[in-house]
């Protein structure tokens, strides 16, 4: 397979029909990093930080 089927001639991403493929078991793993000031973490851990609704 030399071409990516999900890219058109201009290199733009496009939808691909995968309805004909056999089902397979797959696993996805994600990882993230949260960076903050040490004082912020201390307030969260001490439950001294006020909870505010996001709008």
N, C-alpha and C. Protein backbone atom coordinates (compact mmCIF):
# COMPACT_ATOMS: atom_id res chain seq x y z
N UNK A 1 0.86 -1.18 0.00
CA UNK A 1 0.00 0.00 0.00
C UNK A 1 0.90 1.23 0.00
N UNK A 2 0.91 1.95 -1.10
CA UNK A 2 1.79 3.10 -1.24
C UNK A 2 1.10 4.43 -0.98
N UNK A 3 -0.22 4.46 -1.05
CA UNK A 3 -0.96 5.71 -0.85
C UNK A 3 -1.79 5.65 0.42
N UNK A 4 -1.98 6.80 1.04
CA UNK A 4 -2.90 6.90 2.17
C UNK A 4 -4.30 7.07 1.61
N UNK A 5 -5.22 6.21 1.97
CA UNK A 5 -6.58 6.28 1.43
C UNK A 5 -7.40 7.41 2.03
N UNK A 6 -6.94 8.00 3.12
CA UNK A 6 -7.71 9.05 3.78
C UNK A 6 -7.28 10.46 3.35
N UNK A 7 -6.42 10.57 2.35
CA UNK A 7 -6.01 11.86 1.82
C UNK A 7 -6.43 11.97 0.36
N UNK A 8 -6.94 13.16 -0.04
CA UNK A 8 -7.29 13.37 -1.44
C UNK A 8 -6.05 13.81 -2.22
N UNK A 9 -6.22 14.14 -3.49
CA UNK A 9 -5.09 14.51 -4.35
C UNK A 9 -4.36 15.77 -3.88
N UNK A 10 -5.06 16.64 -3.14
CA UNK A 10 -4.44 17.86 -2.62
C UNK A 10 -3.86 17.66 -1.22
N UNK A 11 -3.96 16.45 -0.69
CA UNK A 11 -3.43 16.18 0.64
C UNK A 11 -4.39 16.49 1.77
N UNK A 12 -5.65 16.80 1.43
CA UNK A 12 -6.66 17.09 2.46
C UNK A 12 -7.25 15.78 2.98
N UNK A 13 -7.56 15.76 4.26
CA UNK A 13 -8.15 14.58 4.89
C UNK A 13 -9.58 14.42 4.40
N UNK A 14 -9.97 13.16 4.15
CA UNK A 14 -11.34 12.89 3.74
C UNK A 14 -11.83 11.63 4.44
N UNK A 15 -13.14 11.47 4.48
CA UNK A 15 -13.74 10.29 5.11
C UNK A 15 -13.44 9.06 4.26
N UNK A 16 -13.27 7.93 4.92
CA UNK A 16 -13.01 6.66 4.24
C UNK A 16 -14.02 5.64 4.76
N UNK A 17 -14.65 4.90 3.85
CA UNK A 17 -15.60 3.87 4.23
C UNK A 17 -14.82 2.63 4.69
N UNK A 18 -14.98 2.28 5.96
CA UNK A 18 -14.30 1.11 6.51
C UNK A 18 -15.33 0.03 6.87
N UNK A 19 -16.55 0.16 6.34
CA UNK A 19 -17.61 -0.79 6.65
C UNK A 19 -17.32 -2.20 6.20
N UNK A 20 -16.46 -2.37 5.22
CA UNK A 20 -16.15 -3.69 4.69
C UNK A 20 -15.05 -4.42 5.48
N UNK A 21 -14.40 -3.74 6.41
CA UNK A 21 -13.31 -4.35 7.16
C UNK A 21 -13.83 -5.28 8.25
N UNK A 22 -13.07 -6.34 8.53
CA UNK A 22 -13.41 -7.24 9.62
C UNK A 22 -13.19 -6.53 10.95
N UNK A 23 -13.99 -6.92 11.96
CA UNK A 23 -13.82 -6.36 13.30
C UNK A 23 -12.55 -6.93 13.93
N UNK A 24 -11.81 -6.08 14.60
CA UNK A 24 -10.62 -6.52 15.32
C UNK A 24 -10.62 -5.88 16.70
N UNK A 25 -9.99 -6.54 17.66
CA UNK A 25 -9.86 -5.99 19.00
C UNK A 25 -8.69 -5.03 19.01
N UNK A 26 -8.93 -3.81 19.43
CA UNK A 26 -7.88 -2.79 19.48
C UNK A 26 -7.88 -2.14 20.85
N UNK A 27 -6.73 -1.67 21.23
CA UNK A 27 -6.57 -0.97 22.51
C UNK A 27 -5.90 0.37 22.26
N UNK A 28 -6.44 1.41 22.85
CA UNK A 28 -5.84 2.74 22.75
C UNK A 28 -5.33 3.15 24.13
N UNK A 29 -4.17 3.75 24.16
CA UNK A 29 -3.57 4.21 25.40
C UNK A 29 -3.30 5.70 25.26
N UNK A 30 -3.71 6.47 26.25
CA UNK A 30 -3.48 7.91 26.22
C UNK A 30 -2.71 8.33 27.47
N UNK A 31 -1.98 9.40 27.35
CA UNK A 31 -1.20 9.91 28.47
C UNK A 31 -1.27 11.43 28.43
N UNK A 32 -1.27 12.05 29.57
CA UNK A 32 -1.32 13.51 29.62
C UNK A 32 -0.46 14.04 30.75
N UNK A 33 -0.14 15.30 30.65
CA UNK A 33 0.65 15.99 31.67
C UNK A 33 -0.09 17.26 32.06
N UNK A 34 -0.24 17.48 33.35
CA UNK A 34 -0.83 18.73 33.85
C UNK A 34 0.28 19.49 34.57
N UNK A 35 0.57 20.68 34.08
CA UNK A 35 1.61 21.51 34.70
C UNK A 35 0.94 22.65 35.46
N UNK A 36 1.41 22.88 36.68
CA UNK A 36 0.86 23.98 37.48
C UNK A 36 1.89 24.41 38.51
N UNK A 37 1.65 25.55 39.08
CA UNK A 37 2.51 26.07 40.13
C UNK A 37 2.34 25.20 41.36
N UNK A 38 3.40 24.89 42.08
CA UNK A 38 3.29 24.05 43.29
C UNK A 38 2.27 24.55 44.30
N UNK A 39 2.12 25.88 44.42
CA UNK A 39 1.13 26.42 45.35
C UNK A 39 -0.30 26.05 44.93
N UNK A 40 -0.53 25.99 43.63
CA UNK A 40 -1.85 25.61 43.12
C UNK A 40 -2.16 24.18 43.51
N UNK A 41 -1.20 23.28 43.32
CA UNK A 41 -1.40 21.89 43.70
C UNK A 41 -1.65 21.77 45.20
N UNK A 42 -0.92 22.51 46.00
CA UNK A 42 -1.10 22.47 47.45
C UNK A 42 -2.51 22.91 47.82
N UNK A 43 -3.03 23.95 47.19
CA UNK A 43 -4.40 24.42 47.50
C UNK A 43 -5.43 23.38 47.10
N UNK A 44 -5.21 22.72 45.97
CA UNK A 44 -6.15 21.68 45.55
C UNK A 44 -6.12 20.52 46.54
N UNK A 45 -4.95 20.09 46.92
CA UNK A 45 -4.81 18.96 47.83
C UNK A 45 -5.36 19.29 49.23
N UNK A 46 -5.25 20.53 49.65
CA UNK A 46 -5.77 20.96 50.95
C UNK A 46 -7.25 21.33 50.89
N UNK A 47 -7.83 21.24 49.69
CA UNK A 47 -9.22 21.61 49.46
C UNK A 47 -9.53 23.03 49.89
N UNK A 48 -8.58 23.94 49.68
CA UNK A 48 -8.76 25.35 50.02
C UNK A 48 -9.12 26.18 48.79
N UNK A 49 -9.12 25.56 47.65
CA UNK A 49 -9.42 26.27 46.42
C UNK A 49 -10.95 26.31 46.21
N UNK A 50 -11.46 27.48 45.84
CA UNK A 50 -12.89 27.62 45.61
C UNK A 50 -13.26 26.93 44.29
N UNK A 51 -14.42 26.29 44.28
CA UNK A 51 -14.93 25.68 43.05
C UNK A 51 -15.71 26.75 42.31
N UNK A 52 -15.43 26.90 41.02
CA UNK A 52 -16.14 27.89 40.20
C UNK A 52 -16.73 27.20 38.99
N UNK A 53 -17.95 27.58 38.66
CA UNK A 53 -18.60 27.02 37.48
C UNK A 53 -17.99 27.60 36.22
N UNK A 54 -17.80 26.74 35.24
CA UNK A 54 -17.28 27.21 33.95
C UNK A 54 -18.47 27.58 33.08
N UNK A 55 -18.36 28.68 32.37
CA UNK A 55 -19.48 29.07 31.50
C UNK A 55 -19.11 28.94 30.06
